[in-house]
Full PDB file with SEQRES, HELIX, SHEET, SSBOND, CRYST1, ORIGX, SCALE, CONECT and MASTER records, all heavy atoms in Angstrom:
SEQRES   1 A   42  ASP GLY ASN TRP VAL GLN MET GLU ASP PHE VAL TYR ASN          
SEQRES   2 A   42  ALA PRO SER LEU LYS GLU ALA GLY ASN SER PHE TYR GLY          
SEQRES   3 A   42  LYS ASN LEU GLU LEU TYR LEU PRO ASP GLY THR PRO LEU          
SEQRES   4 A   42  CYS SER ASP                                                  
HELIX    1 AA1 MET A    7  ASP A    9  5                                   3    
HELIX    2 AA2 PRO A   15  GLU A   19  1                                   5    
CRYST1    1.000    1.000    1.000  90.00  90.00  90.00 P 1           1          
ORIGX1      1.000000  0.000000  0.000000        0.00000                         
ORIGX2      0.000000  1.000000  0.000000        0.00000                         
ORIGX3      0.000000  0.000000  1.000000        0.00000                         
SCALE1      1.000000  0.000000  0.000000        0.00000                         
SCALE2      0.000000  1.000000  0.000000        0.00000                         
SCALE3      0.000000  0.000000  1.000000        0.00000                         
ATOM      1  N   ASP A   1      68.802 120.702 117.594  1.00  0.00           N  
ATOM      2  CA  ASP A   1      68.479 120.021 118.839  1.00  0.00           C  
ATOM      3  C   ASP A   1      69.183 118.669 118.883  1.00  0.00           C  
ATOM      4  O   ASP A   1      69.158 117.915 117.914  1.00  0.00           O  
ATOM      5  CB  ASP A   1      66.969 119.810 118.957  1.00  0.00           C  
ATOM      6  CG  ASP A   1      66.216 121.101 119.227  1.00  0.00           C  
ATOM      7  OD1 ASP A   1      66.868 122.083 119.616  1.00  0.00           O  
ATOM      8  OD2 ASP A   1      64.979 121.128 119.043  1.00  0.00           O  
ATOM      9  N   GLY A   2      69.784 118.388 120.006  1.00  0.00           N  
ATOM     10  CA  GLY A   2      70.540 117.142 120.154  1.00  0.00           C  
ATOM     11  C   GLY A   2      72.019 117.370 119.958  1.00  0.00           C  
ATOM     12  O   GLY A   2      72.841 116.835 120.701  1.00  0.00           O  
ATOM     13  N   ASN A   3      72.365 118.155 118.943  1.00  0.00           N  
ATOM     14  CA  ASN A   3      73.766 118.531 118.757  1.00  0.00           C  
ATOM     15  C   ASN A   3      74.136 119.688 119.675  1.00  0.00           C  
ATOM     16  O   ASN A   3      75.233 119.726 120.229  1.00  0.00           O  
ATOM     17  CB  ASN A   3      74.039 118.911 117.305  1.00  0.00           C  
ATOM     18  CG  ASN A   3      74.059 117.711 116.383  1.00  0.00           C  
ATOM     19  OD1 ASN A   3      74.305 116.589 116.821  1.00  0.00           O  
ATOM     20  ND2 ASN A   3      73.787 117.924 115.109  1.00  0.00           N  
ATOM     21  N   TRP A   4      73.216 120.629 119.789  1.00  0.00           N  
ATOM     22  CA  TRP A   4      73.424 121.802 120.647  1.00  0.00           C  
ATOM     23  C   TRP A   4      72.438 121.724 121.797  1.00  0.00           C  
ATOM     24  O   TRP A   4      71.257 121.480 121.590  1.00  0.00           O  
ATOM     25  CB  TRP A   4      73.215 123.085 119.848  1.00  0.00           C  
ATOM     26  CG  TRP A   4      73.634 124.311 120.595  1.00  0.00           C  
ATOM     27  CD1 TRP A   4      72.855 125.062 121.429  1.00  0.00           C  
ATOM     28  CD2 TRP A   4      74.917 124.925 120.600  1.00  0.00           C  
ATOM     29  NE1 TRP A   4      73.569 126.099 121.948  1.00  0.00           N  
ATOM     30  CE2 TRP A   4      74.842 126.039 121.461  1.00  0.00           C  
ATOM     31  CE3 TRP A   4      76.124 124.628 119.966  1.00  0.00           C  
ATOM     32  CZ2 TRP A   4      75.942 126.868 121.700  1.00  0.00           C  
ATOM     33  CZ3 TRP A   4      77.209 125.455 120.204  1.00  0.00           C  
ATOM     34  CH2 TRP A   4      77.120 126.569 121.058  1.00  0.00           C  
ATOM     35  N   VAL A   5      72.933 121.910 122.999  1.00  0.00           N  
ATOM     36  CA  VAL A   5      72.089 121.802 124.184  1.00  0.00           C  
ATOM     37  C   VAL A   5      71.875 123.182 124.791  1.00  0.00           C  
ATOM     38  O   VAL A   5      72.832 123.919 125.050  1.00  0.00           O  
ATOM     39  CB  VAL A   5      72.716 120.860 125.238  1.00  0.00           C  
ATOM     40  CG1 VAL A   5      71.890 120.864 126.528  1.00  0.00           C  
ATOM     41  CG2 VAL A   5      72.822 119.454 124.683  1.00  0.00           C  
ATOM     42  N   GLN A   6      70.610 123.529 124.997  1.00  0.00           N  
ATOM     43  CA  GLN A   6      70.245 124.733 125.730  1.00  0.00           C  
ATOM     44  C   GLN A   6      69.836 124.327 127.139  1.00  0.00           C  
ATOM     45  O   GLN A   6      69.331 123.221 127.369  1.00  0.00           O  
ATOM     46  CB  GLN A   6      69.120 125.470 125.014  1.00  0.00           C  
ATOM     47  CG  GLN A   6      69.537 125.956 123.622  1.00  0.00           C  
ATOM     48  CD  GLN A   6      68.383 126.615 122.872  1.00  0.00           C  
ATOM     49  OE1 GLN A   6      67.326 126.018 122.734  1.00  0.00           O  
ATOM     50  NE2 GLN A   6      68.602 127.828 122.398  1.00  0.00           N  
ATOM     51  N   MET A   7      70.032 125.209 128.091  1.00  0.00           N  
ATOM     52  CA  MET A   7      69.732 124.857 129.478  1.00  0.00           C  
ATOM     53  C   MET A   7      68.266 124.465 129.652  1.00  0.00           C  
ATOM     54  O   MET A   7      67.933 123.636 130.514  1.00  0.00           O  
ATOM     55  CB  MET A   7      70.072 126.022 130.403  1.00  0.00           C  
ATOM     56  CG  MET A   7      71.567 126.241 130.578  1.00  0.00           C  
ATOM     57  SD  MET A   7      72.473 124.792 131.199  1.00  0.00           S  
ATOM     58  CE  MET A   7      71.709 124.554 132.790  1.00  0.00           C  
ATOM     59  N   GLU A   8      67.403 125.032 128.837  1.00  0.00           N  
ATOM     60  CA  GLU A   8      65.988 124.678 128.918  1.00  0.00           C  
ATOM     61  C   GLU A   8      65.709 123.257 128.445  1.00  0.00           C  
ATOM     62  O   GLU A   8      64.582 122.761 128.610  1.00  0.00           O  
ATOM     63  CB  GLU A   8      65.156 125.685 128.118  1.00  0.00           C  
ATOM     64  CG  GLU A   8      65.095 127.088 128.703  1.00  0.00           C  
ATOM     65  CD  GLU A   8      66.326 127.929 128.392  1.00  0.00           C  
ATOM     66  OE1 GLU A   8      67.222 127.444 127.670  1.00  0.00           O  
ATOM     67  OE2 GLU A   8      66.387 129.088 128.857  1.00  0.00           O  
ATOM     68  N   ASP A   9      66.732 122.594 127.865  1.00  0.00           N  
ATOM     69  CA  ASP A   9      66.577 121.184 127.491  1.00  0.00           C  
ATOM     70  C   ASP A   9      66.693 120.271 128.715  1.00  0.00           C  
ATOM     71  O   ASP A   9      66.205 119.143 128.687  1.00  0.00           O  
ATOM     72  CB  ASP A   9      67.630 120.784 126.455  1.00  0.00           C  
ATOM     73  CG  ASP A   9      67.463 121.519 125.137  1.00  0.00           C  
ATOM     74  OD1 ASP A   9      66.320 121.865 124.792  1.00  0.00           O  
ATOM     75  OD2 ASP A   9      68.483 121.743 124.452  1.00  0.00           O  
ATOM     76  N   PHE A  10      67.363 120.739 129.761  1.00  0.00           N  
ATOM     77  CA  PHE A  10      67.428 119.964 130.998  1.00  0.00           C  
ATOM     78  C   PHE A  10      66.059 119.963 131.675  1.00  0.00           C  
ATOM     79  O   PHE A  10      65.236 120.861 131.447  1.00  0.00           O  
ATOM     80  CB  PHE A  10      68.456 120.573 131.961  1.00  0.00           C  
ATOM     81  CG  PHE A  10      69.886 120.324 131.599  1.00  0.00           C  
ATOM     82  CD1 PHE A  10      70.575 121.186 130.758  1.00  0.00           C  
ATOM     83  CD2 PHE A  10      70.564 119.228 132.124  1.00  0.00           C  
ATOM     84  CE1 PHE A  10      71.907 120.968 130.440  1.00  0.00           C  
ATOM     85  CE2 PHE A  10      71.898 119.001 131.804  1.00  0.00           C  
ATOM     86  CZ  PHE A  10      72.565 119.865 130.960  1.00  0.00           C  
ATOM     87  N   VAL A  11      65.843 118.983 132.537  1.00  0.00           N  
ATOM     88  CA  VAL A  11      64.600 118.929 133.309  1.00  0.00           C  
ATOM     89  C   VAL A  11      64.945 118.822 134.791  1.00  0.00           C  
ATOM     90  O   VAL A  11      66.033 118.367 135.164  1.00  0.00           O  
ATOM     91  CB  VAL A  11      63.704 117.738 132.889  1.00  0.00           C  
ATOM     92  CG1 VAL A  11      63.320 117.851 131.423  1.00  0.00           C  
ATOM     93  CG2 VAL A  11      64.401 116.401 133.164  1.00  0.00           C  
ATOM     94  N   TYR A  12      64.010 119.243 135.619  1.00  0.00           N  
ATOM     95  CA  TYR A  12      64.176 119.090 137.068  1.00  0.00           C  
ATOM     96  C   TYR A  12      64.135 117.605 137.402  1.00  0.00           C  
ATOM     97  O   TYR A  12      63.157 116.919 137.106  1.00  0.00           O  
ATOM     98  CB  TYR A  12      63.058 119.827 137.806  1.00  0.00           C  
ATOM     99  CG  TYR A  12      63.040 121.314 137.546  1.00  0.00           C  
ATOM    100  CD1 TYR A  12      62.028 121.896 136.775  1.00  0.00           C  
ATOM    101  CD2 TYR A  12      64.027 122.143 138.065  1.00  0.00           C  
ATOM    102  CE1 TYR A  12      62.006 123.263 136.541  1.00  0.00           C  
ATOM    103  CE2 TYR A  12      64.017 123.521 137.826  1.00  0.00           C  
ATOM    104  CZ  TYR A  12      62.996 124.069 137.060  1.00  0.00           C  
ATOM    105  OH  TYR A  12      62.985 125.426 136.824  1.00  0.00           O  
ATOM    106  N   ASN A  13      65.220 117.102 137.998  1.00  0.00           N  
ATOM    107  CA  ASN A  13      65.326 115.655 138.187  1.00  0.00           C  
ATOM    108  C   ASN A  13      65.657 115.232 139.611  1.00  0.00           C  
ATOM    109  O   ASN A  13      65.964 114.064 139.857  1.00  0.00           O  
ATOM    110  CB  ASN A  13      66.383 115.083 137.235  1.00  0.00           C  
ATOM    111  CG  ASN A  13      67.808 115.412 137.669  1.00  0.00           C  
ATOM    112  OD1 ASN A  13      68.063 116.495 138.216  1.00  0.00           O  
ATOM    113  ND2 ASN A  13      68.737 114.504 137.436  1.00  0.00           N  
ATOM    114  N   ALA A  14      65.656 116.161 140.568  1.00  0.00           N  
ATOM    115  CA  ALA A  14      65.995 115.802 141.938  1.00  0.00           C  
ATOM    116  C   ALA A  14      65.005 114.760 142.468  1.00  0.00           C  
ATOM    117  O   ALA A  14      63.789 114.983 142.422  1.00  0.00           O  
ATOM    118  CB  ALA A  14      65.985 117.037 142.829  1.00  0.00           C  
ATOM    119  N   PRO A  15      65.488 113.611 142.966  1.00  0.00           N  
ATOM    120  CA  PRO A  15      64.579 112.577 143.492  1.00  0.00           C  
ATOM    121  C   PRO A  15      63.645 113.095 144.580  1.00  0.00           C  
ATOM    122  O   PRO A  15      62.511 112.620 144.709  1.00  0.00           O  
ATOM    123  CB  PRO A  15      65.535 111.519 144.037  1.00  0.00           C  
ATOM    124  CG  PRO A  15      66.774 111.682 143.221  1.00  0.00           C  
ATOM    125  CD  PRO A  15      66.887 113.157 142.992  1.00  0.00           C  
ATOM    126  N   SER A  16      64.119 114.093 145.353  1.00  0.00           N  
ATOM    127  CA  SER A  16      63.273 114.640 146.425  1.00  0.00           C  
ATOM    128  C   SER A  16      61.998 115.272 145.864  1.00  0.00           C  
ATOM    129  O   SER A  16      60.963 115.284 146.543  1.00  0.00           O  
ATOM    130  CB  SER A  16      64.057 115.675 147.231  1.00  0.00           C  
ATOM    131  OG  SER A  16      64.524 116.724 146.396  1.00  0.00           O  
ATOM    132  N   LEU A  17      62.068 115.782 144.650  1.00  0.00           N  
ATOM    133  CA  LEU A  17      60.868 116.368 144.038  1.00  0.00           C  
ATOM    134  C   LEU A  17      59.828 115.289 143.761  1.00  0.00           C  
ATOM    135  O   LEU A  17      58.629 115.480 144.018  1.00  0.00           O  
ATOM    136  CB  LEU A  17      61.236 117.088 142.734  1.00  0.00           C  
ATOM    137  CG  LEU A  17      62.160 118.301 142.839  1.00  0.00           C  
ATOM    138  CD1 LEU A  17      62.475 118.840 141.449  1.00  0.00           C  
ATOM    139  CD2 LEU A  17      61.532 119.390 143.702  1.00  0.00           C  
ATOM    140  N   LYS A  18      60.290 114.167 143.232  1.00  0.00           N  
ATOM    141  CA  LYS A  18      59.348 113.075 142.946  1.00  0.00           C  
ATOM    142  C   LYS A  18      58.752 112.524 144.231  1.00  0.00           C  
ATOM    143  O   LYS A  18      57.539 112.267 144.312  1.00  0.00           O  
ATOM    144  CB  LYS A  18      60.050 111.966 142.174  1.00  0.00           C  
ATOM    145  CG  LYS A  18      59.105 110.845 141.763  1.00  0.00           C  
ATOM    146  CD  LYS A  18      59.799 109.777 140.949  1.00  0.00           C  
ATOM    147  CE  LYS A  18      58.794 108.699 140.531  1.00  0.00           C  
ATOM    148  NZ  LYS A  18      59.435 107.619 139.741  1.00  0.00           N  
ATOM    149  N   GLU A  19      59.611 112.375 145.247  1.00  0.00           N  
ATOM    150  CA  GLU A  19      59.135 111.842 146.519  1.00  0.00           C  
ATOM    151  C   GLU A  19      58.068 112.744 147.126  1.00  0.00           C  
ATOM    152  O   GLU A  19      57.124 112.262 147.774  1.00  0.00           O  
ATOM    153  CB  GLU A  19      60.308 111.691 147.486  1.00  0.00           C  
ATOM    154  CG  GLU A  19      61.317 110.627 147.061  1.00  0.00           C  
ATOM    155  CD  GLU A  19      62.587 110.668 147.889  1.00  0.00           C  
ATOM    156  OE1 GLU A  19      62.637 111.491 148.842  1.00  0.00           O  
ATOM    157  OE2 GLU A  19      63.521 109.899 147.596  1.00  0.00           O  
ATOM    158  N   ALA A  20      58.223 114.068 146.924  1.00  0.00           N  
ATOM    159  CA  ALA A  20      57.265 115.020 147.483  1.00  0.00           C  
ATOM    160  C   ALA A  20      56.061 115.244 146.571  1.00  0.00           C  
ATOM    161  O   ALA A  20      55.153 116.007 146.927  1.00  0.00           O  
ATOM    162  CB  ALA A  20      57.965 116.350 147.761  1.00  0.00           C  
ATOM    163  N   GLY A  21      56.067 114.598 145.405  1.00  0.00           N  
ATOM    164  CA  GLY A  21      54.968 114.802 144.467  1.00  0.00           C  
ATOM    165  C   GLY A  21      54.962 116.183 143.841  1.00  0.00           C  
ATOM    166  O   GLY A  21      53.906 116.691 143.432  1.00  0.00           O  
ATOM    167  N   ASN A  22      56.139 116.804 143.755  1.00  0.00           N  
ATOM    168  CA  ASN A  22      56.243 118.160 143.205  1.00  0.00           C  
ATOM    169  C   ASN A  22      55.921 118.137 141.711  1.00  0.00           C  
ATOM    170  O   ASN A  22      56.455 117.333 140.944  1.00  0.00           O  
ATOM    171  CB  ASN A  22      57.656 118.700 143.438  1.00  0.00           C  
ATOM    172  CG  ASN A  22      57.790 120.175 143.133  1.00  0.00           C  
ATOM    173  OD1 ASN A  22      57.596 120.604 142.012  1.00  0.00           O  
ATOM    174  ND2 ASN A  22      58.123 120.945 144.155  1.00  0.00           N  
ATOM    175  N   SER A  23      55.064 119.053 141.281  1.00  0.00           N  
ATOM    176  CA  SER A  23      54.593 119.071 139.895  1.00  0.00           C  
ATOM    177  C   SER A  23      55.671 119.469 138.905  1.00  0.00           C  
ATOM    178  O   SER A  23      55.511 119.264 137.696  1.00  0.00           O  
ATOM    179  CB  SER A  23      53.402 120.024 139.758  1.00  0.00           C  
ATOM    180  OG  SER A  23      53.781 121.356 140.088  1.00  0.00           O  
ATOM    181  N   PHE A  24      56.787 120.041 139.391  1.00  0.00           N  
ATOM    182  CA  PHE A  24      57.845 120.470 138.474  1.00  0.00           C  
ATOM    183  C   PHE A  24      58.801 119.332 138.125  1.00  0.00           C  
ATOM    184  O   PHE A  24      59.624 119.474 137.221  1.00  0.00           O  
ATOM    185  CB  PHE A  24      58.630 121.643 139.064  1.00  0.00           C  
ATOM    186  CG  PHE A  24      57.850 122.929 139.098  1.00  0.00           C  
ATOM    187  CD1 PHE A  24      57.321 123.404 140.292  1.00  0.00           C  
ATOM    188  CD2 PHE A  24      57.615 123.635 137.936  1.00  0.00           C  
ATOM    189  CE1 PHE A  24      56.597 124.574 140.322  1.00  0.00           C  
ATOM    190  CE2 PHE A  24      56.885 124.812 137.946  1.00  0.00           C  
ATOM    191  CZ  PHE A  24      56.368 125.285 139.148  1.00  0.00           C  
ATOM    192  N   TYR A  25      58.717 118.228 138.832  1.00  0.00           N  
ATOM    193  CA  TYR A  25      59.590 117.096 138.539  1.00  0.00           C  
ATOM    194  C   TYR A  25      59.397 116.638 137.092  1.00  0.00           C  
ATOM    195  O   TYR A  25      58.286 116.392 136.631  1.00  0.00           O  
ATOM    196  CB  TYR A  25      59.288 115.931 139.484  1.00  0.00           C  
ATOM    197  CG  TYR A  25      60.169 114.717 139.245  1.00  0.00           C  
ATOM    198  CD1 TYR A  25      61.489 114.700 139.657  1.00  0.00           C  
ATOM    199  CD2 TYR A  25      59.670 113.589 138.586  1.00  0.00           C  
ATOM    200  CE1 TYR A  25      62.303 113.595 139.448  1.00  0.00           C  
ATOM    201  CE2 TYR A  25      60.468 112.470 138.370  1.00  0.00           C  
ATOM    202  CZ  TYR A  25      61.784 112.494 138.801  1.00  0.00           C  
ATOM    203  OH  TYR A  25      62.586 111.400 138.576  1.00  0.00           O  
ATOM    204  N   GLY A  26      60.518 116.551 136.334  1.00  0.00           N  
ATOM    205  CA  GLY A  26      60.470 116.112 134.949  1.00  0.00           C  
ATOM    206  C   GLY A  26      60.161 117.204 133.955  1.00  0.00           C  
ATOM    207  O   GLY A  26      60.194 116.962 132.737  1.00  0.00           O  
ATOM    208  N   LYS A  27      59.888 118.425 134.433  1.00  0.00           N  
ATOM    209  CA  LYS A  27      59.593 119.528 133.523  1.00  0.00           C  
ATOM    210  C   LYS A  27      60.878 120.289 133.190  1.00  0.00           C  
ATOM    211  O   LYS A  27      61.853 120.271 133.941  1.00  0.00           O  
ATOM    212  CB  LYS A  27      58.570 120.472 134.146  1.00  0.00           C  
ATOM    213  CG  LYS A  27      57.173 119.858 134.262  1.00  0.00           C  
ATOM    214  CD  LYS A  27      56.161 120.881 134.736  1.00  0.00           C  
ATOM    215  CE  LYS A  27      54.761 120.272 134.785  1.00  0.00           C  
ATOM    216  NZ  LYS A  27      53.753 121.249 135.268  1.00  0.00           N  
ATOM    217  N   ASN A  28      60.868 120.969 132.056  1.00  0.00           N  
ATOM    218  CA  ASN A  28      62.057 121.698 131.601  1.00  0.00           C  
ATOM    219  C   ASN A  28      62.382 122.868 132.522  1.00  0.00           C  
ATOM    220  O   ASN A  28      61.496 123.477 133.127  1.00  0.00           O  
ATOM    221  CB  ASN A  28      61.853 122.205 130.172  1.00  0.00           C  
ATOM    222  CG  ASN A  28      61.696 121.076 129.187  1.00  0.00           C  
ATOM    223  OD1 ASN A  28      60.587 120.653 128.877  1.00  0.00           O  
ATOM    224  ND2 ASN A  28      62.805 120.558 128.694  1.00  0.00           N  
ATOM    225  N   LEU A  29      63.692 123.165 132.599  1.00  0.00           N  
ATOM    226  CA  LEU A  29      64.148 124.240 133.469  1.00  0.00           C  
ATOM    227  C   LEU A  29      63.620 125.596 133.028  1.00  0.00           C  
ATOM    228  O   LEU A  29      63.383 125.844 131.851  1.00  0.00           O  
ATOM    229  CB  LEU A  29      65.685 124.305 133.484  1.00  0.00           C  
ATOM    230  CG  LEU A  29      66.472 123.066 133.898  1.00  0.00           C  
ATOM    231  CD1 LEU A  29      67.929 123.446 134.120  1.00  0.00           C  
ATOM    232  CD2 LEU A  29      65.885 122.401 135.115  1.00  0.00           C  
ATOM    233  N   GLU A  30      63.480 126.466 134.001  1.00  0.00           N  
ATOM    234  CA  GLU A  30      63.150 127.867 133.772  1.00  0.00           C  
ATOM    235  C   GLU A  30      64.197 128.705 134.480  1.00  0.00           C  
ATOM    236  O   GLU A  30      64.651 128.354 135.574  1.00  0.00           O  
ATOM    237  CB  GLU A  30      61.763 128.199 134.324  1.00  0.00           C  
ATOM    238  CG  GLU A  30      60.628 127.389 133.713  1.00  0.00           C  
ATOM    239  CD  GLU A  30      59.289 127.695 134.368  1.00  0.00           C  
ATOM    240  OE1 GLU A  30      59.074 128.877 134.725  1.00  0.00           O  
ATOM    241  OE2 GLU A  30      58.492 126.766 134.552  1.00  0.00           O  
ATOM    242  N   LEU A  31      64.597 129.815 133.858  1.00  0.00           N  
ATOM    243  CA  LEU A  31      65.630 130.660 134.464  1.00  0.00           C  
ATOM    244  C   LEU A  31      65.042 131.730 135.372  1.00  0.00           C  
ATOM    245  O   LEU A  31      65.641 132.085 136.381  1.00  0.00           O  
ATOM    246  CB  LEU A  31      66.486 131.319 133.380  1.00  0.00           C  
ATOM    247  CG  LEU A  31      67.634 132.216 133.857  1.00  0.00           C  
ATOM    248  CD1 LEU A  31      68.561 131.469 134.831  1.00  0.00           C  
ATOM    249  CD2 LEU A  31      68.437 132.755 132.679  1.00  0.00           C  
ATOM    250  N   TYR A  32      63.862 132.256 135.007  1.00  0.00           N  
ATOM    251  CA  TYR A  32      63.295 133.359 135.774  1.00  0.00           C  
ATOM    252  C   TYR A  32      61.846 133.084 136.170  1.00  0.00           C  
ATOM    253  O   TYR A  32      61.100 132.400 135.456  1.00  0.00           O  
ATOM    254  CB  TYR A  32      63.322 134.655 134.950  1.00  0.00           C  
ATOM    255  CG  TYR A  32      64.703 135.134 134.581  1.00  0.00           C  
ATOM    256  CD1 TYR A  32      65.171 134.995 133.278  1.00  0.00           C  
ATOM    257  CD2 TYR A  32      65.534 135.729 135.527  1.00  0.00           C  
ATOM    258  CE1 TYR A  32      66.434 135.446 132.925  1.00  0.00           C  
ATOM    259  CE2 TYR A  32      66.802 136.186 135.188  1.00  0.00           C  
ATOM    260  CZ  TYR A  32      67.248 136.039 133.885  1.00  0.00           C  
ATOM    261  OH  TYR A  32      68.496 136.478 133.541  1.00  0.00           O  
ATOM    262  N   LEU A  33      61.460 133.662 137.297  1.00  0.00           N  
ATOM    263  CA  LEU A  33      60.057 133.749 137.661  1.00  0.00           C  
ATOM    264  C   LEU A  33      59.417 134.879 136.848  1.00  0.00           C  
ATOM    265  O   LEU A  33      60.131 135.719 136.278  1.00  0.00           O  
ATOM    266  CB  LEU A  33      59.918 134.041 139.161  1.00  0.00           C  
ATOM    267  CG  LEU A  33      60.312 132.914 140.117  1.00  0.00           C  
ATOM    268  CD1 LEU A  33      60.251 133.412 141.564  1.00  0.00           C  
ATOM    269  CD2 LEU A  33      59.418 131.702 139.934  1.00  0.00           C  
ATOM    270  N   PRO A  34      58.107 134.943 136.780  1.00  0.00           N  
ATOM    271  CA  PRO A  34      57.460 136.023 136.016  1.00  0.00           C  
ATOM    272  C   PRO A  34      57.888 137.427 136.444  1.00  0.00           C  
ATOM    273  O   PRO A  34      57.881 138.353 135.622  1.00  0.00           O  
ATOM    274  CB  PRO A  34      55.968 135.784 136.297  1.00  0.00           C  
ATOM    275  CG  PRO A  34      55.873 134.315 136.528  1.00  0.00           C  
ATOM    276  CD  PRO A  34      57.127 133.952 137.274  1.00  0.00           C  
ATOM    277  N   ASP A  35      58.269 137.598 137.719  1.00  0.00           N  
ATOM    278  CA  ASP A  35      58.690 138.926 138.174  1.00  0.00           C  
ATOM    279  C   ASP A  35      60.163 139.203 137.919  1.00  0.00           C  
ATOM    280  O   ASP A  35      60.695 140.238 138.333  1.00  0.00           O  
ATOM    281  CB  ASP A  35      58.369 139.107 139.664  1.00  0.00           C  
ATOM    282  CG  ASP A  35      59.176 138.147 140.553  1.00  0.00           C  
ATOM    283  OD1 ASP A  35      59.972 137.345 140.012  1.00  0.00           O  
ATOM    284  OD2 ASP A  35      59.005 138.194 141.781  1.00  0.00           O  
ATOM    285  N   GLY A  36      60.860 138.270 137.230  1.00  0.00           N  
ATOM    286  CA  GLY A  36      62.262 138.465 136.890  1.00  0.00           C  
ATOM    287  C   GLY A  36      63.241 137.900 137.893  1.00  0.00           C  
ATOM    288  O   GLY A  36      64.465 137.991 137.695  1.00  0.00           O  
ATOM    289  N   THR A  37      62.753 137.311 138.967  1.00  0.00           N  
ATOM    290  CA  THR A  37      63.640 136.713 139.957  1.00  0.00           C  
ATOM    291  C   THR A  37      64.338 135.493 139.357  1.00  0.00           C  
ATOM    292  O   THR A  37      63.673 134.588 138.847  1.00  0.00           O  
ATOM    293  CB  THR A  37      62.859 136.278 141.210  1.00  0.00           C  
ATOM    294  OG1 THR A  37      62.190 137.419 141.768  1.00  0.00           O  
ATOM    295  CG2 THR A  37      63.792 135.661 142.242  1.00  0.00           C  
ATOM    296  N   PRO A  38      65.690 135.440 139.410  1.00  0.00           N  
ATOM    297  CA  PRO A  38      66.400 134.292 138.835  1.00  0.00           C  
ATOM    298  C   PRO A  38      66.253 133.052 139.706  1.00  0.00           C  
ATOM    299  O   PRO A  38      66.226 133.135 140.930  1.00  0.00           O  
ATOM    300  CB  PRO A  38      67.849 134.761 138.778  1.00  0.00           C  
ATOM    301  CG  PRO A  38      67.954 135.790 139.867  1.00  0.00           C  
ATOM    302  CD  PRO A  38      66.622 136.466 139.920  1.00  0.00           C  
ATOM    303  N   LEU A  39      66.168 131.909 139.040  1.00  0.00           N  
ATOM    304  CA  LEU A  39      66.061 130.627 139.730  1.00  0.00           C  
ATOM    305  C   LEU A  39      67.407 129.915 139.804  1.00  0.00           C  
ATOM    306  O   LEU A  39      67.494 128.801 140.325  1.00  0.00           O  
ATOM    307  CB  LEU A  39      65.043 129.734 139.026  1.00  0.00           C  
ATOM    308  CG  LEU A  39      63.602 130.273 139.039  1.00  0.00           C  
ATOM    309  CD1 LEU A  39      62.708 129.456 138.130  1.00  0.00           C  
ATOM    310  CD2 LEU A  39      63.058 130.269 140.459  1.00  0.00           C  
ATOM    311  N   CYS A  40      68.444 130.553 139.263  1.00  0.00           N  
ATOM    312  CA  CYS A  40      69.807 130.021 139.306  1.00  0.00           C  
ATOM    313  C   CYS A  40      70.685 131.078 139.962  1.00  0.00           C  
ATOM    314  O   CYS A  40      70.695 132.236 139.526  1.00  0.00           O  
ATOM    315  CB  CYS A  40      70.304 129.698 137.901  1.00  0.00           C  
ATOM    316  SG  CYS A  40      72.022 129.162 137.827  1.00  0.00           S  
ATOM    317  N   SER A  41      71.419 130.684 141.000  1.00  0.00           N  
ATOM    318  CA  SER A  41      72.187 131.661 141.771  1.00  0.00           C  
ATOM    319  C   SER A  41      73.515 132.035 141.124  1.00  0.00           C  
ATOM    320  O   SER A  41      74.137 133.008 141.531  1.00  0.00           O  
ATOM    321  CB  SER A  41      72.439 131.131 143.188  1.00  0.00           C  
ATOM    322  OG  SER A  41      73.174 129.917 143.148  1.00  0.00           O  
ATOM    323  N   ASP A  42      73.972 131.270 140.146  1.00  0.00           N  
ATOM    324  CA  ASP A  42      75.254 131.567 139.486  1.00  0.00           C  
ATOM    325  C   ASP A  42      75.132 131.240 138.007  1.00  0.00           C  
ATOM    326  O   ASP A  42      75.471 130.146 137.570  1.00  0.00           O  
ATOM    327  CB  ASP A  42      76.385 130.771 140.126  1.00  0.00           C  
ATOM    328  CG  ASP A  42      77.760 131.124 139.552  1.00  0.00           C  
ATOM    329  OD1 ASP A  42      77.828 132.025 138.695  1.00  0.00           O  
ATOM    330  OD2 ASP A  42      78.750 130.493 139.949  1.00  0.00           O  
TER     331      ASP A  42                                                      
MASTER        0    0    0    2    0    0    0    6  330    1    0    4          
END                                                                             
């Protein structure tokens, strides 16, 4: 950790999330929803 970065090490950081009080702001990224739907389009 620190030398090698996994995408889950990133956090949701869009200022609009904080402004809206979104609970995911500052939390680590997730690639899929529980039903397998991807949260990244590419």
